[in-house]
C-alpha atoms as a PDB file:
ATOM      1  CA  MET A   1      15.556 -19.646  11.956  1.00  0.00           C
ATOM      2  CA  SER A   2      15.299 -23.379  11.258  1.00  0.00           C
ATOM      3  CA  ASP A   3      14.010 -24.889   8.022  1.00  0.00           C
ATOM      4  CA  SER A   4      10.661 -25.699   9.651  1.00  0.00           C
ATOM      5  CA  SER A   5       7.530 -23.756   8.759  1.00  0.00           C
ATOM      6  CA  VAL A   6       7.058 -20.188   9.937  1.00  0.00           C
ATOM      7  CA  ARG A   7       4.269 -20.204  12.528  1.00  0.00           C
ATOM      8  CA  ALA A   8       1.750 -17.399  12.044  1.00  0.00           C
ATOM      9  CA  LEU A   9      -1.024 -15.969  14.199  1.00  0.00           C
ATOM     10  CA  LEU A  10      -3.641 -14.031  12.236  1.00  0.00           C
ATOM     11  CA  VAL A  11      -5.416 -11.239  14.130  1.00  0.00           C
ATOM     12  CA  GLY A  12      -8.652  -9.886  12.692  1.00  0.00           C
ATOM     13  CA  CYS A  13     -10.930 -12.246  10.763  1.00  0.00           C
ATOM     14  CA  GLY A  14     -13.035  -9.748   8.821  1.00  0.00           C
ATOM     15  CA  GLY A  15     -13.352  -9.393   5.065  1.00  0.00           C
ATOM     16  CA  MET A  16      -9.710  -8.562   4.331  1.00  0.00           C
ATOM     17  CA  SER A  17      -8.444 -11.669   6.110  1.00  0.00           C
ATOM     18  CA  GLY A  18      -9.663 -13.848   3.245  1.00  0.00           C
ATOM     19  CA  ALA A  19      -6.992 -12.481   0.892  1.00  0.00           C
ATOM     20  CA  TRP A  20      -4.336 -13.086   3.546  1.00  0.00           C
ATOM     21  CA  LEU A  21      -5.402 -16.638   4.297  1.00  0.00           C
ATOM     22  CA  GLY A  22      -5.696 -17.420   0.607  1.00  0.00           C
ATOM     23  CA  ALA A  23      -2.152 -16.178   0.015  1.00  0.00           C
ATOM     24  CA  ALA A  24      -0.775 -18.033   3.039  1.00  0.00           C
ATOM     25  CA  ALA A  25      -2.352 -21.261   1.798  1.00  0.00           C
ATOM     26  CA  THR A  26      -0.114 -21.144  -1.294  1.00  0.00           C
ATOM     27  CA  LEU A  27       3.105 -20.966   0.762  1.00  0.00           C
ATOM     28  CA  ASP A  28       4.407 -24.341   1.909  1.00  0.00           C
ATOM     29  CA  ASP A  29       6.569 -22.834   4.651  1.00  0.00           C
ATOM     30  CA  VAL A  30       3.774 -20.924   6.436  1.00  0.00           C
ATOM     31  CA  GLU A  31       1.557 -22.544   9.070  1.00  0.00           C
ATOM     32  CA  ILE A  32      -1.445 -20.654  10.467  1.00  0.00           C
ATOM     33  CA  VAL A  33      -1.437 -21.787  14.092  1.00  0.00           C
ATOM     34  CA  GLY A  34      -4.112 -19.430  15.409  1.00  0.00           C
ATOM     35  CA  LEU A  35      -6.825 -16.929  14.541  1.00  0.00           C
ATOM     36  CA  VAL A  36      -7.965 -14.059  16.757  1.00  0.00           C
ATOM     37  CA  ASP A  37     -11.070 -11.909  16.460  1.00  0.00           C
ATOM     38  CA  LEU A  38     -13.277  -9.927  18.808  1.00  0.00           C
ATOM     39  CA  ASP A  39     -16.084 -12.147  17.506  1.00  0.00           C
ATOM     40  CA  ALA A  40     -15.233 -15.749  18.443  1.00  0.00           C
ATOM     41  CA  ASP A  41     -17.679 -17.157  15.887  1.00  0.00           C
ATOM     42  CA  ARG A  42     -16.033 -15.219  13.089  1.00  0.00           C
ATOM     43  CA  ALA A  43     -12.629 -16.683  13.937  1.00  0.00           C
ATOM     44  CA  LEU A  44     -14.136 -20.179  13.951  1.00  0.00           C
ATOM     45  CA  ALA A  45     -15.812 -19.536  10.609  1.00  0.00           C
ATOM     46  CA  ARG A  46     -12.506 -18.494   9.015  1.00  0.00           C
ATOM     47  CA  ARG A  47     -10.782 -21.566  10.468  1.00  0.00           C
ATOM     48  CA  ASP A  48     -13.406 -23.847   8.942  1.00  0.00           C
ATOM     49  CA  GLU A  49     -13.539 -21.979   5.618  1.00  0.00           C
ATOM     50  CA  TYR A  50      -9.805 -22.414   5.073  1.00  0.00           C
ATOM     51  CA  GLU A  51      -9.664 -25.920   6.573  1.00  0.00           C
ATOM     52  CA  LEU A  52      -7.268 -24.918   9.345  1.00  0.00           C
ATOM     53  CA  SER A  53      -8.388 -27.662  11.687  1.00  0.00           C
ATOM     54  CA  GLN A  54      -5.190 -27.549  13.760  1.00  0.00           C
ATOM     55  CA  ALA A  55      -5.373 -23.792  14.359  1.00  0.00           C
ATOM     56  CA  GLN A  56      -6.568 -22.475  17.697  1.00  0.00           C
ATOM     57  CA  THR A  57      -9.082 -19.636  17.780  1.00  0.00           C
ATOM     58  CA  GLY A  58     -10.046 -17.082  20.377  1.00  0.00           C
ATOM     59  CA  THR A  59     -10.673 -13.475  21.305  1.00  0.00           C
ATOM     60  CA  ASP A  60      -7.599 -13.010  23.538  1.00  0.00           C
ATOM     61  CA  MET A  61      -4.537 -12.189  21.439  1.00  0.00           C
ATOM     62  CA  VAL A  62      -2.109 -12.194  24.360  1.00  0.00           C
ATOM     63  CA  ARG A  63      -3.234 -15.635  25.523  1.00  0.00           C
ATOM     64  CA  LEU A  64      -2.685 -17.141  22.096  1.00  0.00           C
ATOM     65  CA  LEU A  65       0.668 -15.378  21.721  1.00  0.00           C
ATOM     66  CA  GLU A  66       1.836 -16.911  24.989  1.00  0.00           C
ATOM     67  CA  GLU A  67       0.424 -20.367  24.315  1.00  0.00           C
ATOM     68  CA  LEU A  68       1.341 -20.733  20.653  1.00  0.00           C
ATOM     69  CA  ARG A  69       4.567 -18.701  20.484  1.00  0.00           C
ATOM     70  CA  PRO A  70       4.205 -17.830  16.793  1.00  0.00           C
ATOM     71  CA  ASP A  71       7.081 -16.476  14.724  1.00  0.00           C
ATOM     72  CA  VAL A  72       4.956 -13.859  12.959  1.00  0.00           C
ATOM     73  CA  VAL A  73       1.678 -12.024  13.401  1.00  0.00           C
ATOM     74  CA  PHE A  74      -0.521 -11.098  10.456  1.00  0.00           C
ATOM     75  CA  ASP A  75      -2.474  -7.992  11.481  1.00  0.00           C
ATOM     76  CA  CYS A  76      -5.773  -7.750   9.564  1.00  0.00           C
ATOM     77  CA  THR A  77      -7.510  -5.451  12.023  1.00  0.00           C
ATOM     78  CA  VAL A  78      -8.958  -1.966  11.443  1.00  0.00           C
ATOM     79  CA  PRO A  79      -6.491   0.971  11.373  1.00  0.00           C
ATOM     80  CA  GLU A  80      -7.428   2.086  14.885  1.00  0.00           C
ATOM     81  CA  ALA A  81      -6.217  -1.255  16.270  1.00  0.00           C
ATOM     82  CA  HIS A  82      -2.963  -1.554  14.310  1.00  0.00           C
ATOM     83  CA  THR A  83      -0.690   0.090  16.856  1.00  0.00           C
ATOM     84  CA  HIS A  84      -1.914  -2.028  19.760  1.00  0.00           C
ATOM     85  CA  VAL A  85      -1.759  -5.279  17.795  1.00  0.00           C
ATOM     86  CA  THR A  86       1.662  -4.484  16.346  1.00  0.00           C
ATOM     87  CA  THR A  87       3.347  -3.368  19.556  1.00  0.00           C
ATOM     88  CA  THR A  88       1.884  -6.306  21.482  1.00  0.00           C
ATOM     89  CA  ALA A  89       3.123  -8.770  18.877  1.00  0.00           C
ATOM     90  CA  LEU A  90       6.585  -7.190  18.821  1.00  0.00           C
ATOM     91  CA  GLU A  91       6.779  -7.327  22.625  1.00  0.00           C
ATOM     92  CA  HIS A  92       6.199 -11.076  22.345  1.00  0.00           C
ATOM     93  CA  GLY A  93       9.099 -11.462  19.923  1.00  0.00           C
ATOM     94  CA  CYS A  94       7.080 -11.734  16.704  1.00  0.00           C
ATOM     95  CA  HIS A  95       7.732 -10.227  13.306  1.00  0.00           C
ATOM     96  CA  VAL A  96       4.663  -8.373  12.007  1.00  0.00           C
ATOM     97  CA  LEU A  97       3.068  -7.999   8.594  1.00  0.00           C
ATOM     98  CA  GLY A  98       0.165  -5.577   8.875  1.00  0.00           C
ATOM     99  CA  GLU A  99      -2.734  -4.382   6.774  1.00  0.00           C
ATOM    100  CA  LYS A 100      -2.442  -0.880   5.350  1.00  0.00           C
ATOM    101  CA  PRO A 101      -2.281   1.831   6.556  1.00  0.00           C
ATOM    102  CA  LEU A 102       0.418   1.481   9.188  1.00  0.00           C
ATOM    103  CA  ALA A 103      -1.654   3.349  11.750  1.00  0.00           C
ATOM    104  CA  ASP A 104      -4.418   5.870  12.234  1.00  0.00           C
ATOM    105  CA  SER A 105      -1.934   8.686  12.949  1.00  0.00           C
ATOM    106  CA  MET A 106       1.703   9.523  12.362  1.00  0.00           C
ATOM    107  CA  ALA A 107       2.356   9.420  16.110  1.00  0.00           C
ATOM    108  CA  ASN A 108       1.028   5.874  16.371  1.00  0.00           C
ATOM    109  CA  ALA A 109       2.977   4.810  13.287  1.00  0.00           C
ATOM    110  CA  ARG A 110       6.184   6.118  14.863  1.00  0.00           C
ATOM    111  CA  ALA A 111       5.403   4.269  18.089  1.00  0.00           C
ATOM    112  CA  SER A 112       5.153   1.004  16.154  1.00  0.00           C
ATOM    113  CA  LEU A 113       8.399   1.705  14.307  1.00  0.00           C
ATOM    114  CA  GLU A 114      10.175   2.347  17.589  1.00  0.00           C
ATOM    115  CA  ALA A 115       8.774  -0.876  19.037  1.00  0.00           C
ATOM    116  CA  ALA A 116      10.092  -2.792  16.009  1.00  0.00           C
ATOM    117  CA  ARG A 117      13.526  -1.203  16.426  1.00  0.00           C
ATOM    118  CA  LYS A 118      13.690  -2.126  20.105  1.00  0.00           C
ATOM    119  CA  ALA A 119      12.501  -5.681  19.451  1.00  0.00           C
ATOM    120  CA  ASN A 120      14.882  -6.107  16.482  1.00  0.00           C
ATOM    121  CA  ARG A 121      12.022  -7.571  14.470  1.00  0.00           C
ATOM    122  CA  ILE A 122      10.658  -6.897  10.986  1.00  0.00           C
ATOM    123  CA  TYR A 123       7.540  -4.779  10.750  1.00  0.00           C
ATOM    124  CA  ALA A 124       6.144  -4.450   7.222  1.00  0.00           C
ATOM    125  CA  VAL A 125       2.850  -3.466   5.617  1.00  0.00           C
ATOM    126  CA  ILE A 126       0.839  -5.303   2.963  1.00  0.00           C
ATOM    127  CA  GLN A 127       1.119  -2.589   0.325  1.00  0.00           C
ATOM    128  CA  ASN A 128       0.188  -5.303  -2.145  1.00  0.00           C
ATOM    129  CA  ARG A 129      -0.264  -3.156  -5.243  1.00  0.00           C
ATOM    130  CA  ARG A 130       3.493  -2.725  -5.486  1.00  0.00           C
ATOM    131  CA  TYR A 131       3.492  -6.403  -6.439  1.00  0.00           C
ATOM    132  CA  ASP A 132       1.291  -5.902  -9.497  1.00  0.00           C
ATOM    133  CA  PRO A 133       3.145  -7.135 -12.609  1.00  0.00           C
ATOM    134  CA  ASN A 134       2.096  -4.109 -14.666  1.00  0.00           C
ATOM    135  CA  ILE A 135       3.579  -1.516 -12.327  1.00  0.00           C
ATOM    136  CA  ARG A 136       6.744  -3.629 -12.346  1.00  0.00           C
ATOM    137  CA  ARG A 137       6.766  -3.537 -16.164  1.00  0.00           C
ATOM    138  CA  LEU A 138       6.441   0.233 -15.957  1.00  0.00           C
ATOM    139  CA  ARG A 139       9.230   0.477 -13.405  1.00  0.00           C
ATOM    140  CA  ARG A 140      11.466  -1.709 -15.611  1.00  0.00           C
ATOM    141  CA  LEU A 141      10.831   0.661 -18.530  1.00  0.00           C
ATOM    142  CA  LEU A 142      11.717   3.739 -16.478  1.00  0.00           C
ATOM    143  CA  ASP A 143      14.802   2.032 -15.069  1.00  0.00           C
ATOM    144  CA  SER A 144      16.060   1.625 -18.638  1.00  0.00           C
ATOM    145  CA  ASP A 145      16.374   5.434 -18.901  1.00  0.00           C
ATOM    146  CA  ALA A 146      13.951   5.337 -21.837  1.00  0.00           C
ATOM    147  CA  ILE A 147      12.686   8.883 -21.194  1.00  0.00           C
ATOM    148  CA  GLY A 148      15.575  10.266 -19.176  1.00  0.00           C
ATOM    149  CA  PRO A 149      15.360  11.778 -15.692  1.00  0.00           C
ATOM    150  CA  LEU A 150      11.768  12.242 -14.564  1.00  0.00           C
ATOM    151  CA  THR A 151      10.314  15.716 -14.152  1.00  0.00           C
ATOM    152  CA  SER A 152       6.659  15.080 -13.283  1.00  0.00           C
ATOM    153  CA  VAL A 153       4.235  12.276 -12.472  1.00  0.00           C
ATOM    154  CA  ASP A 154       0.460  12.725 -12.709  1.00  0.00           C
ATOM    155  CA  ALA A 155      -2.260  10.353 -11.479  1.00  0.00           C
ATOM    156  CA  ASP A 156      -6.028  10.474 -12.029  1.00  0.00           C
ATOM    157  CA  PHE A 157      -8.338   8.280  -9.952  1.00  0.00           C
ATOM    158  CA  TYR A 158     -12.078   8.458 -10.711  1.00  0.00           C
ATOM    159  CA  LEU A 159     -14.561   5.819  -9.564  1.00  0.00           C
ATOM    160  CA  GLY A 160     -18.239   5.827  -8.666  1.00  0.00           C
ATOM    161  CA  ALA A 161     -17.839   3.590  -5.619  1.00  0.00           C
ATOM    162  CA  HIS A 162     -21.117   2.853  -3.807  1.00  0.00           C
ATOM    163  CA  PHE A 163     -19.722   1.092  -0.754  1.00  0.00           C
ATOM    164  CA  GLY A 164     -22.273   1.981   1.893  1.00  0.00           C
ATOM    165  CA  GLY A 165     -21.269   0.897   5.389  1.00  0.00           C
ATOM    166  CA  PHE A 166     -18.644   2.713   7.448  1.00  0.00           C
ATOM    167  CA  ARG A 167     -17.047   4.479   4.447  1.00  0.00           C
ATOM    168  CA  ALA A 168     -20.231   6.425   3.800  1.00  0.00           C
ATOM    169  CA  GLN A 169     -19.742   8.249   7.113  1.00  0.00           C
ATOM    170  CA  MET A 170     -15.926   8.565   7.215  1.00  0.00           C
ATOM    171  CA  ASP A 171     -14.141  11.891   7.360  1.00  0.00           C
ATOM    172  CA  HIS A 172     -11.534  12.304   4.590  1.00  0.00           C
ATOM    173  CA  VAL A 173     -12.845   9.084   3.027  1.00  0.00           C
ATOM    174  CA  LEU A 174     -10.861   9.262  -0.218  1.00  0.00           C
ATOM    175  CA  LEU A 175      -7.564  10.365   1.304  1.00  0.00           C
ATOM    176  CA  LEU A 176      -7.712   8.064   4.321  1.00  0.00           C
ATOM    177  CA  ASP A 177      -9.132   4.919   2.782  1.00  0.00           C
ATOM    178  CA  MET A 178      -7.818   4.889  -0.779  1.00  0.00           C
ATOM    179  CA  ALA A 179      -5.239   7.510  -1.700  1.00  0.00           C
ATOM    180  CA  ILE A 180      -2.380   5.753   0.095  1.00  0.00           C
ATOM    181  CA  HIS A 181      -2.378   3.157  -2.713  1.00  0.00           C
ATOM    182  CA  THR A 182      -1.844   5.857  -5.334  1.00  0.00           C
ATOM    183  CA  PHE A 183       0.608   7.817  -3.200  1.00  0.00           C
ATOM    184  CA  ASP A 184       2.689   4.708  -2.550  1.00  0.00           C
ATOM    185  CA  ALA A 185       2.591   3.857  -6.260  1.00  0.00           C
ATOM    186  CA  ALA A 186       3.828   7.370  -7.031  1.00  0.00           C
ATOM    187  CA  ARG A 187       6.836   6.787  -4.783  1.00  0.00           C
ATOM    188  CA  LEU A 188       7.570   3.495  -6.541  1.00  0.00           C
ATOM    189  CA  ILE A 189       7.119   4.955 -10.044  1.00  0.00           C
ATOM    190  CA  SER A 190       9.115   8.125  -9.413  1.00  0.00           C
ATOM    191  CA  GLY A 191      11.762   6.706  -7.096  1.00  0.00           C
ATOM    192  CA  ALA A 192      11.261   9.891  -5.072  1.00  0.00           C
ATOM    193  CA  ASP A 193       9.954  10.811  -1.635  1.00  0.00           C
ATOM    194  CA  PRO A 194       7.590  13.615  -0.547  1.00  0.00           C
ATOM    195  CA  VAL A 195       8.818  17.027   0.565  1.00  0.00           C
ATOM    196  CA  ARG A 196       5.821  19.390   0.512  1.00  0.00           C
ATOM    197  CA  VAL A 197       2.121  19.229  -0.404  1.00  0.00           C
ATOM    198  CA  TYR A 198      -0.809  21.478  -1.175  1.00  0.00           C
ATOM    199  CA  CYS A 199      -4.201  19.740  -1.124  1.00  0.00           C
ATOM    200  CA  ARG A 200      -7.807  20.766  -1.719  1.00  0.00           C
ATOM    201  CA  GLU A 201     -10.469  18.351  -0.455  1.00  0.00           C
ATOM    202  CA  TRP A 202     -14.240  18.608  -0.910  1.00  0.00           C
ATOM    203  CA  ASN A 203     -17.525  16.737  -1.159  1.00  0.00           C
ATOM    204  CA  SER A 204     -19.200  17.406  -4.490  1.00  0.00           C
ATOM    205  CA  SER A 205     -22.897  17.979  -5.078  1.00  0.00           C
ATOM    206  CA  GLY A 206     -24.735  14.676  -5.198  1.00  0.00           C
ATOM    207  CA  SER A 207     -22.047  12.807  -3.265  1.00  0.00           C
ATOM    208  CA  TRP A 208     -23.269   9.770  -1.348  1.00  0.00           C
ATOM    209  CA  PHE A 209     -20.386  10.133   1.101  1.00  0.00           C
ATOM    210  CA  ALA A 210     -20.521  12.300   4.213  1.00  0.00           C
ATOM    211  CA  HIS A 211     -17.106  13.926   3.754  1.00  0.00           C
ATOM    212  CA  GLY A 212     -14.126  14.281   1.465  1.00  0.00           C
ATOM    213  CA  ALA A 213     -14.992  12.121  -1.536  1.00  0.00           C
ATOM    214  CA  ASN A 214     -12.894  14.368  -3.814  1.00  0.00           C
ATOM    215  CA  ALA A 215      -9.343  15.673  -3.591  1.00  0.00           C
ATOM    216  CA  VAL A 216      -6.625  17.333  -5.638  1.00  0.00           C
ATOM    217  CA  ALA A 217      -3.051  17.396  -4.352  1.00  0.00           C
ATOM    218  CA  VAL A 218       0.264  18.709  -5.647  1.00  0.00           C
ATOM    219  CA  PHE A 219       3.399  17.226  -4.109  1.00  0.00           C
ATOM    220  CA  GLU A 220       6.939  18.477  -4.322  1.00  0.00           C
ATOM    221  CA  MET A 221       9.104  15.365  -4.309  1.00  0.00           C
ATOM    222  CA  THR A 222      12.825  14.819  -3.975  1.00  0.00           C
ATOM    223  CA  ASP A 223      14.974  15.225  -7.119  1.00  0.00           C
ATOM    224  CA  GLY A 224      12.779  18.176  -8.156  1.00  0.00           C
ATOM    225  CA  ILE A 225       9.927  15.906  -9.319  1.00  0.00           C
ATOM    226  CA  VAL A 226       6.336  17.157  -9.032  1.00  0.00           C
ATOM    227  CA  PHE A 227       3.563  14.617  -8.429  1.00  0.00           C
ATOM    228  CA  THR A 228      -0.060  15.617  -8.943  1.00  0.00           C
ATOM    229  CA  TYR A 229      -3.110  13.645  -7.811  1.00  0.00           C
ATOM    230  CA  ARG A 230      -6.740  14.130  -8.828  1.00  0.00           C
ATOM    231  CA  GLY A 231      -9.259  11.776  -7.299  1.00  0.00           C
ATOM    232  CA  SER A 232     -12.934  11.122  -6.694  1.00  0.00           C
ATOM    233  CA  TRP A 233     -14.972   8.283  -5.262  1.00  0.00           C
ATOM    234  CA  CYS A 234     -18.255   9.738  -6.507  1.00  0.00           C
ATOM    235  CA  ALA A 235     -17.476  10.068 -10.219  1.00  0.00           C
ATOM    236  CA  GLU A 236     -20.155   8.313 -12.251  1.00  0.00           C
ATOM    237  CA  GLY A 237     -19.048   7.146 -15.688  1.00  0.00           C
ATOM    238  CA  MET A 238     -15.737   6.965 -17.561  1.00  0.00           C
ATOM    239  CA  ASN A 239     -14.075   5.413 -14.548  1.00  0.00           C
ATOM    240  CA  THR A 240     -10.363   4.776 -14.300  1.00  0.00           C
ATOM    241  CA  THR A 241      -8.926   1.510 -13.068  1.00  0.00           C
ATOM    242  CA  TRP A 242      -8.383   1.043  -9.345  1.00  0.00           C
ATOM    243  CA  GLU A 243      -4.701   1.722 -10.047  1.00  0.00           C
ATOM    244  CA  SER A 244      -5.402   5.168 -11.614  1.00  0.00           C
ATOM    245  CA  ASP A 245      -4.438   6.635 -14.980  1.00  0.00           C
ATOM    246  CA  TRP A 246      -0.834   7.868 -15.103  1.00  0.00           C
ATOM    247  CA  ARG A 247       1.333  10.221 -17.162  1.00  0.00           C
ATOM    248  CA  ILE A 248       5.060  10.129 -16.465  1.00  0.00           C
ATOM    249  CA  VAL A 249       7.135  12.880 -18.070  1.00  0.00           C
ATOM    250  CA  GLY A 250      10.897  12.733 -18.455  1.00  0.00           C
ATOM    251  CA  GLU A 251      13.448  15.031 -20.028  1.00  0.00           C
ATOM    252  CA  ARG A 252      13.422  12.974 -23.245  1.00  0.00           C
ATOM    253  CA  GLY A 253       9.902  11.581 -23.477  1.00  0.00           C
ATOM    254  CA  SER A 254       6.656  10.550 -21.809  1.00  0.00           C
ATOM    255  CA  VAL A 255       4.861   7.362 -20.776  1.00  0.00           C
ATOM    256  CA  LEU A 256       1.153   6.712 -20.235  1.00  0.00           C
ATOM    257  CA  TRP A 257      -0.100   3.871 -18.042  1.00  0.00           C
ATOM    258  CA  ASP A 258      -3.789   3.043 -17.680  1.00  0.00           C
ATOM    259  CA  GLY A 259      -3.315   1.106 -14.447  1.00  0.00           C
ATOM    260  CA  GLY A 260      -3.780  -2.178 -16.296  1.00  0.00           C
ATOM    261  CA  GLU A 261      -1.836  -3.733 -19.143  1.00  0.00           C
ATOM    262  CA  GLY A 262      -1.810  -0.583 -21.274  1.00  0.00           C
ATOM    263  CA  ILE A 263       1.615   1.085 -21.211  1.00  0.00           C
ATOM    264  CA  HIS A 264       2.555   3.410 -24.095  1.00  0.00           C
ATOM    265  CA  GLY A 265       5.345   5.901 -24.531  1.00  0.00           C
ATOM    266  CA  GLU A 266       7.394   8.080 -26.853  1.00  0.00           C
ATOM    267  CA  SER A 267      10.938   9.371 -26.682  1.00  0.00           C
ATOM    268  CA  VAL A 268      12.742  12.072 -28.594  1.00  0.00           C
ATOM    269  CA  SER A 269      14.382  10.757 -31.768  1.00  0.00           C
ATOM    270  CA  GLN A 270      15.375  14.178 -33.081  1.00  0.00           C
ATOM    271  CA  SER A 271      15.015  17.599 -31.518  1.00  0.00           C
ATOM    272  CA  GLY A 272      13.128  20.087 -33.625  1.00  0.00           C
ATOM    273  CA  ASP A 273      12.785  23.862 -33.830  1.00  0.00           C
ATOM    274  CA  PHE A 274       9.290  23.736 -32.344  1.00  0.00           C
ATOM    275  CA  ARG A 275       8.245  20.127 -31.657  1.00  0.00           C
ATOM    276  CA  SER A 276      10.686  17.261 -31.534  1.00  0.00           C
ATOM    277  CA  GLU A 277      10.333  14.139 -33.622  1.00  0.00           C
ATOM    278  CA  MET A 278       9.226  11.230 -31.461  1.00  0.00           C
ATOM    279  CA  SER A 279       9.616   7.472 -31.678  1.00  0.00           C
ATOM    280  CA  PRO A 280       7.434   4.898 -29.897  1.00  0.00           C
ATOM    281  CA  LEU A 281       9.022   3.101 -26.974  1.00  0.00           C
ATOM    282  CA  THR A 282       9.440  -0.642 -26.797  1.00  0.00           C
ATOM    283  CA  ILE A 283       7.499  -1.700 -23.714  1.00  0.00           C
ATOM    284  CA  PRO A 284       8.652  -4.673 -21.612  1.00  0.00           C
ATOM    285  CA  ASP A 285       6.225  -7.542 -22.164  1.00  0.00           C
ATOM    286  CA  SER A 286       6.809  -9.130 -18.779  1.00  0.00           C
ATOM    287  CA  ALA A 287       7.616  -8.156 -15.236  1.00  0.00           C
ATOM    288  CA  PRO A 288      10.700  -9.334 -13.367  1.00  0.00           C
ATOM    289  CA  ASP A 289      10.195 -12.625 -11.588  1.00  0.00           C
ATOM    290  CA  ASP A 290      10.548 -11.130  -8.126  1.00  0.00           C
ATOM    291  CA  ARG A 291       8.134  -8.841  -6.333  1.00  0.00           C
ATOM    292  CA  ILE A 292       4.991  -9.752  -8.224  1.00  0.00           C
ATOM    293  CA  GLY A 293       1.938 -11.725  -7.160  1.00  0.00           C
ATOM    294  CA  HIS A 294       0.028  -9.132  -5.109  1.00  0.00           C
ATOM    295  CA  HIS A 295      -0.678 -10.520  -1.600  1.00  0.00           C
ATOM    296  CA  THR A 296       1.111 -13.793  -2.327  1.00  0.00           C
ATOM    297  CA  GLY A 297       4.232 -12.165  -3.715  1.00  0.00           C
ATOM    298  CA  LEU A 298       4.485  -9.706  -0.858  1.00  0.00           C
ATOM    299  CA  MET A 299       3.892 -12.370   1.773  1.00  0.00           C
ATOM    300  CA  ARG A 300       6.459 -14.635   0.126  1.00  0.00           C
ATOM    301  CA  GLU A 301       9.093 -11.883   0.309  1.00  0.00           C
ATOM    302  CA  PHE A 302       8.227 -11.115   3.944  1.00  0.00           C
ATOM    303  CA  ILE A 303       8.507 -14.763   4.977  1.00  0.00           C
ATOM    304  CA  ASP A 304      11.799 -15.095   3.092  1.00  0.00           C
ATOM    305  CA  ARG A 305      13.242 -12.122   5.006  1.00  0.00           C
ATOM    306  CA  VAL A 306      12.017 -13.560   8.311  1.00  0.00           C
ATOM    307  CA  ARG A 307      13.747 -16.843   7.532  1.00  0.00           C
ATOM    308  CA  HIS A 308      16.953 -15.556   5.980  1.00  0.00           C
ATOM    309  CA  GLY A 309      17.411 -11.952   7.092  1.00  0.00           C
ATOM    310  CA  GLY A 310      17.148  -8.603   5.359  1.00  0.00           C
ATOM    311  CA  GLU A 311      14.169  -6.319   4.836  1.00  0.00           C
ATOM    312  CA  PRO A 312      11.121  -6.619   2.564  1.00  0.00           C
ATOM    313  CA  GLU A 313      10.370  -3.755   0.203  1.00  0.00           C
ATOM    314  CA  THR A 314       7.355  -2.645   2.241  1.00  0.00           C
ATOM    315  CA  VAL A 315       9.206  -2.413   5.550  1.00  0.00           C
ATOM    316  CA  ALA A 316       7.442   0.071   7.802  1.00  0.00           C
ATOM    317  CA  HIS A 317      10.272   2.581   8.194  1.00  0.00           C
ATOM    318  CA  ASP A 318      10.044   3.171   4.427  1.00  0.00           C
ATOM    319  CA  ASN A 319       6.266   2.867   4.033  1.00  0.00           C
ATOM    320  CA  ILE A 320       5.701   5.552   6.649  1.00  0.00           C
ATOM    321  CA  LYS A 321       6.673   8.024   3.918  1.00  0.00           C
ATOM    322  CA  SER A 322       3.543   7.024   1.984  1.00  0.00           C
ATOM    323  CA  LEU A 323       1.451   7.403   5.132  1.00  0.00           C
ATOM    324  CA  ALA A 324       2.960  10.858   5.656  1.00  0.00           C
ATOM    325  CA  MET A 325       1.635  11.854   2.223  1.00  0.00           C
ATOM    326  CA  VAL A 326      -1.881  10.960   3.369  1.00  0.00           C
ATOM    327  CA  PHE A 327      -1.784  12.886   6.633  1.00  0.00           C
ATOM    328  CA  GLY A 328       0.136  15.723   5.008  1.00  0.00           C
ATOM    329  CA  SER A 329      -2.656  16.051   2.438  1.00  0.00           C
ATOM    330  CA  ILE A 330      -5.313  16.030   5.136  1.00  0.00           C
ATOM    331  CA  ASP A 331      -3.461  18.675   7.161  1.00  0.00           C
ATOM    332  CA  SER A 332      -2.980  20.855   4.077  1.00  0.00           C
ATOM    333  CA  ALA A 333      -6.654  20.600   3.129  1.00  0.00           C
ATOM    334  CA  SER A 334      -7.730  21.372   6.697  1.00  0.00           C
ATOM    335  CA  GLU A 335      -5.400  24.373   7.017  1.00  0.00           C
ATOM    336  CA  GLY A 336      -5.830  25.657   3.472  1.00  0.00           C
ATOM    337  CA  ARG A 337      -2.113  26.027   2.819  1.00  0.00           C
ATOM    338  CA  GLU A 338       0.965  24.239   1.534  1.00  0.00           C
ATOM    339  CA  ILE A 339       2.771  22.349   4.268  1.00  0.00           C
ATOM    340  CA  ALA A 340       6.018  20.446   4.692  1.00  0.00           C
ATOM    341  CA  ILE A 341       5.627  16.658   4.871  1.00  0.00           C
ATOM    342  CA  ASP A 342       6.303  15.473   8.414  1.00  0.00           C
ATOM    343  CA  LEU A 343       8.542  12.391   8.180  1.00  0.00           C
END
């Protein structure tokens, strides 16, 4: 690719598109050449809000793909539309960065991956929470072998989230709409991938959701690691952060992370007859310079790989493992048994 700006077509101008357009505005080598939405007025409103006077707008994605010939498509549509938008963009020779989750089913996710393989184009997902500086500090600590090989990872997610709107009526609302963030974080923190899962899902008394606002899941991961998840979107009081509360246990110590800046840990300084003597860990005070910045950091890496080759961290053929944890949990809860993760 030449040194000129990467030309981008953004599809889907709803609420999430604001974060994408804000991130793109900080990148000098990205030009938004078009905006597509089923609602023509909404596309025009986004164009005016972000002062994209040269960008074309419309409701017909194919027409704008053929007229504008963008290098990349930013897919900000709802999950049900991801497969159509992605495969259409790939067929027109575009690289694709899509909103999470990859698709509304594993079959559709695989169809998009196959389309990307055939087109020889990058397809990645905006799993932006991997680019949080605090999870990168945590990962740097674990990479230092501070607590030895990991044995278990536990995450608690408890929020009283009064969204209203479509989420109030969704099936599997917690697992489908939120848990993928925590599941993907568990893969990053542990460095492991899912093997099996047992999940219990329910809607507690007093829930303002129609279905599945609570879930508990136990995952067998590679390398013998066990990951446990406890979550609720109708927990009033004592809420966790959006990134969950974490306990990471290794053979020689443990680390707690509150999902924000609070990272604390201890490692064995001397083994004892009953309880070992522990010493506090020195926690990294900064994240590495790469792969931080949330939407902006992720988009920057994606654009760099489009321009210079290689794959971004959130490439779809890896991120599908996080999606498989979601649908594996739903299948386990529905069937009432432990199941193998379908990768």
